[in-house]
Amino acid sequence: MKLKSAVCDTEVLLVKAPQAGTLSCGGAPMVAERGEKGDIDPAFAEGTKMGKRYTDAAGTLEVLCIKPGAGSLAFDGAALQLKDAKPLPSSD
């Protein structure tokens, strides 16, 4: 599912999602179709990076940022973190 921020240019694809909860960007819930842009909450204004995956602390939610923006992502009010890349095995 593709979601868009209601307050900035951020767009994400849901990779893995729990049954319930609210994904937000810039302090406002994300929407399927963007209307008029609102104001970004300063507490959620760190921005997003294109091509990066974001996850919650429990690992129940994962999103892929397909368009960057000024707002930062949160799930049920808790900020999402960048997901670390898996290290490749060494080829000794």
C-alpha atoms as a PDB file:
ATOM      1  CA  MET A   1       0.000   0.000   0.000  1.00  0.00           C
ATOM      2  CA  LYS A   2       1.297   3.459  -0.905  1.00  0.00           C
ATOM      3  CA  LEU A   3       0.739   6.289   1.592  1.00  0.00           C
ATOM      4  CA  LYS A   4       1.442  10.023   1.363  1.00  0.00           C
ATOM      5  CA  SER A   5       2.139  12.626   4.021  1.00  0.00           C
ATOM      6  CA  ALA A   6      -0.518  15.269   4.622  1.00  0.00           C
ATOM      7  CA  VAL A   7       2.114  17.874   5.610  1.00  0.00           C
ATOM      8  CA  CYS A   8       5.167  17.325   3.355  1.00  0.00           C
ATOM      9  CA  ASP A   9       6.328  15.507   0.195  1.00  0.00           C
ATOM     10  CA  THR A  10       7.072  12.147   1.911  1.00  0.00           C
ATOM     11  CA  GLU A  11       5.632   9.019   0.278  1.00  0.00           C
ATOM     12  CA  VAL A  12       6.101   5.460   1.571  1.00  0.00           C
ATOM     13  CA  LEU A  13       5.259   1.884   0.654  1.00  0.00           C
ATOM     14  CA  LEU A  14       4.125  -0.396   3.465  1.00  0.00           C
ATOM     15  CA  VAL A  15       6.371  -3.466   3.479  1.00  0.00           C
ATOM     16  CA  LYS A  16       5.077  -5.014   6.710  1.00  0.00           C
ATOM     17  CA  ALA A  17       2.250  -3.689   8.892  1.00  0.00           C
ATOM     18  CA  PRO A  18       0.391  -4.775  12.035  1.00  0.00           C
ATOM     19  CA  GLN A  19      -3.422  -5.123  12.057  1.00  0.00           C
ATOM     20  CA  ALA A  20      -4.023  -1.836  13.910  1.00  0.00           C
ATOM     21  CA  GLY A  21      -2.245   1.472  14.489  1.00  0.00           C
ATOM     22  CA  THR A  22      -1.695   4.863  12.900  1.00  0.00           C
ATOM     23  CA  LEU A  23       1.279   5.711  10.694  1.00  0.00           C
ATOM     24  CA  SER A  24       2.014   9.426  10.687  1.00  0.00           C
ATOM     25  CA  CYS A  25       4.500  11.806   9.101  1.00  0.00           C
ATOM     26  CA  GLY A  26       5.290  15.259  10.412  1.00  0.00           C
ATOM     27  CA  GLY A  27       2.777  14.734  13.233  1.00  0.00           C
ATOM     28  CA  ALA A  28      -0.228  14.101  10.947  1.00  0.00           C
ATOM     29  CA  PRO A  29      -1.716  10.725   9.890  1.00  0.00           C
ATOM     30  CA  MET A  30      -0.639   9.549   6.428  1.00  0.00           C
ATOM     31  CA  VAL A  31      -3.283   9.419   3.686  1.00  0.00           C
ATOM     32  CA  ALA A  32      -3.885   7.562   0.424  1.00  0.00           C
ATOM     33  CA  GLU A  33      -4.514  10.784  -1.535  1.00  0.00           C
ATOM     34  CA  ARG A  34      -2.914  14.094  -0.610  1.00  0.00           C
ATOM     35  CA  GLY A  35      -5.103  17.169  -0.276  1.00  0.00           C
ATOM     36  CA  GLU A  36      -4.059  20.590   0.963  1.00  0.00           C
ATOM     37  CA  LYS A  37      -0.835  20.434   3.007  1.00  0.00           C
ATOM     38  CA  GLY A  38      -0.953  21.209   6.724  1.00  0.00           C
ATOM     39  CA  ASP A  39       1.831  22.311   9.073  1.00  0.00           C
ATOM     40  CA  ILE A  40       4.628  20.012  10.277  1.00  0.00           C
ATOM     41  CA  ASP A  41       4.819  19.373  14.021  1.00  0.00           C
ATOM     42  CA  PRO A  42       8.343  20.536  15.097  1.00  0.00           C
ATOM     43  CA  ALA A  43       8.712  17.342  17.173  1.00  0.00           C
ATOM     44  CA  PHE A  44       8.450  15.313  13.934  1.00  0.00           C
ATOM     45  CA  ALA A  45      10.529  17.439  11.537  1.00  0.00           C
ATOM     46  CA  GLU A  46      13.732  15.392  11.107  1.00  0.00           C
ATOM     47  CA  GLY A  47      12.890  14.410   7.540  1.00  0.00           C
ATOM     48  CA  THR A  48      12.896  11.155   5.579  1.00  0.00           C
ATOM     49  CA  LYS A  49      15.449   9.741   3.137  1.00  0.00           C
ATOM     50  CA  MET A  50      14.557   8.190  -0.197  1.00  0.00           C
ATOM     51  CA  GLY A  51      15.284   4.477  -0.567  1.00  0.00           C
ATOM     52  CA  LYS A  52      15.608   3.896   3.182  1.00  0.00           C
ATOM     53  CA  ARG A  53      13.528   1.500   5.237  1.00  0.00           C
ATOM     54  CA  TYR A  54      12.045   2.590   8.544  1.00  0.00           C
ATOM     55  CA  THR A  55      10.821   0.299  11.328  1.00  0.00           C
ATOM     56  CA  ASP A  56       9.356   0.489  14.826  1.00  0.00           C
ATOM     57  CA  ALA A  57      11.202  -0.747  17.920  1.00  0.00           C
ATOM     58  CA  ALA A  58       9.251  -4.029  18.007  1.00  0.00           C
ATOM     59  CA  GLY A  59       9.862  -4.755  14.310  1.00  0.00           C
ATOM     60  CA  THR A  60       6.122  -5.111  13.583  1.00  0.00           C
ATOM     61  CA  LEU A  61       6.063  -2.291  11.020  1.00  0.00           C
ATOM     62  CA  GLU A  62       8.369  -1.636   8.082  1.00  0.00           C
ATOM     63  CA  VAL A  63       8.011   1.058   5.423  1.00  0.00           C
ATOM     64  CA  LEU A  64      10.135   2.000   2.401  1.00  0.00           C
ATOM     65  CA  CYS A  65      10.481   5.717   1.658  1.00  0.00           C
ATOM     66  CA  ILE A  66       9.911   6.291  -2.073  1.00  0.00           C
ATOM     67  CA  LYS A  67       9.846  10.101  -1.935  1.00  0.00           C
ATOM     68  CA  PRO A  68      11.701  12.145   0.731  1.00  0.00           C
ATOM     69  CA  GLY A  69      10.231  15.000   2.702  1.00  0.00           C
ATOM     70  CA  ALA A  70      10.702  17.292   5.705  1.00  0.00           C
ATOM     71  CA  GLY A  71       8.507  15.344   8.165  1.00  0.00           C
ATOM     72  CA  SER A  72       9.671  12.303  10.135  1.00  0.00           C
ATOM     73  CA  LEU A  73       7.740   9.045  10.438  1.00  0.00           C
ATOM     74  CA  ALA A  74       6.010   7.737  13.566  1.00  0.00           C
ATOM     75  CA  PHE A  75       3.722   4.816  14.421  1.00  0.00           C
ATOM     76  CA  ASP A  76       1.140   5.427  17.154  1.00  0.00           C
ATOM     77  CA  GLY A  77       3.160   8.468  18.279  1.00  0.00           C
ATOM     78  CA  ALA A  78       6.529   6.651  18.562  1.00  0.00           C
ATOM     79  CA  ALA A  79       9.228   7.737  16.099  1.00  0.00           C
ATOM     80  CA  LEU A  80      10.366   5.146  13.544  1.00  0.00           C
ATOM     81  CA  GLN A  81      14.062   4.338  13.170  1.00  0.00           C
ATOM     82  CA  LEU A  82      16.158   3.692  10.085  1.00  0.00           C
ATOM     83  CA  LYS A  83      16.454  -0.038   9.533  1.00  0.00           C
ATOM     84  CA  ASP A  84      20.065  -1.240   9.485  1.00  0.00           C
ATOM     85  CA  ALA A  85      21.302  -3.084   6.434  1.00  0.00           C
ATOM     86  CA  LYS A  86      22.075  -6.751   6.895  1.00  0.00           C
ATOM     87  CA  PRO A  87      25.827  -7.405   6.687  1.00  0.00           C
ATOM     88  CA  LEU A  88      26.918  -9.577   3.798  1.00  0.00           C
ATOM     89  CA  PRO A  89      28.826 -12.765   4.590  1.00  0.00           C
ATOM     90  CA  SER A  90      32.555 -12.557   4.059  1.00  0.00           C
ATOM     91  CA  SER A  91      34.047 -14.436   1.136  1.00  0.00           C
ATOM     92  CA  ASP A  92      37.304 -15.701   2.567  1.00  0.00           C
END
